[in-house]
Amino acid sequence: MALPPQDERTLPAVVLRDIDRRPLEQALAEMQTLVEQHGHVIVVCSQAAPTAVQRRLHTLRSLMESDRIALFRPDLPPLGLAVLARQLRQLASCDISPGVLASAGRLLVHYIHAGALLNSVTRLDRVPVGLKSHAKSWVPGSQFGVLAHPEPQLVRITPEAALPGPEFGTWMLVAKGQLQSDWVTATLAPSWKVQGLREIPLPAESPGWWGTGKLIEFCSYLPDLSVLYQLVTSVRRSRCHWCGIDVIGDRCVFCSATPPAHESPPPKQLENRTAAG
């Protein structure tokens, strides 16, 4: 799902539609065109995407023999994934190198709180089972508040029900499915002290991800480009020893190389013997 621009600087998204169903030659030509036009391509893909989609993306990258395609698969529900992709689109308008931009997703994901209000958790398999094992005894007709990220939580909705929220100022996106409730907007959002709230259509992948179409998905995030930019640029950068690109963290997001292990210095006695020889 490509969210509308957050501001006038937000770059447009390119949606790779039916990437696993179209002829390989067609998908390959599209990816080659993107690389030629932009220099580098960051593909944001859900971990819940079909295996065929993931396999096709890796095939395209291998066929092109390119270190200019980064595949990023964060463990986020659909709305949270769309929010993260838009944040990267915001940052793409700034003076940030491709390697730093691509690896910024690993940092920004920690500032996203994503969950949903569900009418049932019987088919929910994206949250650890241990959190819902006792839910089998709850009566039909109950509603459940589920936080999938950053720390999984599950509560049955009661007047006292609450979910842990961010400790910093955020906005909230709300996407309503086939569930009638004002708990997210009237209870959760005020308890999280959100600074703004917007409603958008429910992502097409959400019912499958949450195990039910009767849900209201929500996500709190940092909307301000200046805050995002400060977060990313304040982190120490390193240069990939293999492809030479600047990245955040130890693993290059484009060539997947990790820093070489440094050999331990020789023992002091051996140094002395070597010098004496």
Foldseek 3Di string as FASTA:
>chain_A
DADDALDPLQDGDDDCPPLLPDDLVVSLVVVVVVCVVPVAEEAEDEPPDDPSVVVSVVVSCVVVVDLRYFYHYDHAADVLSNVLVRLLSNCVSDPDDPQLSNQLSVVQQQQKKKWKKAQDQPQADLADVVQCVVVVPPDHRWIWTWINPDHTHIDTDDPPDADDEDPDEWEKEKAAFQADDCCCVPPHCVVNVYPYYDYDHDDPCRCVNRVHRHMMIMMIHHSDSVVSVCSSVVADWDADPPPGDIHGDQAGRRPRDGDDDDDDDDDPVVVVVVVVD
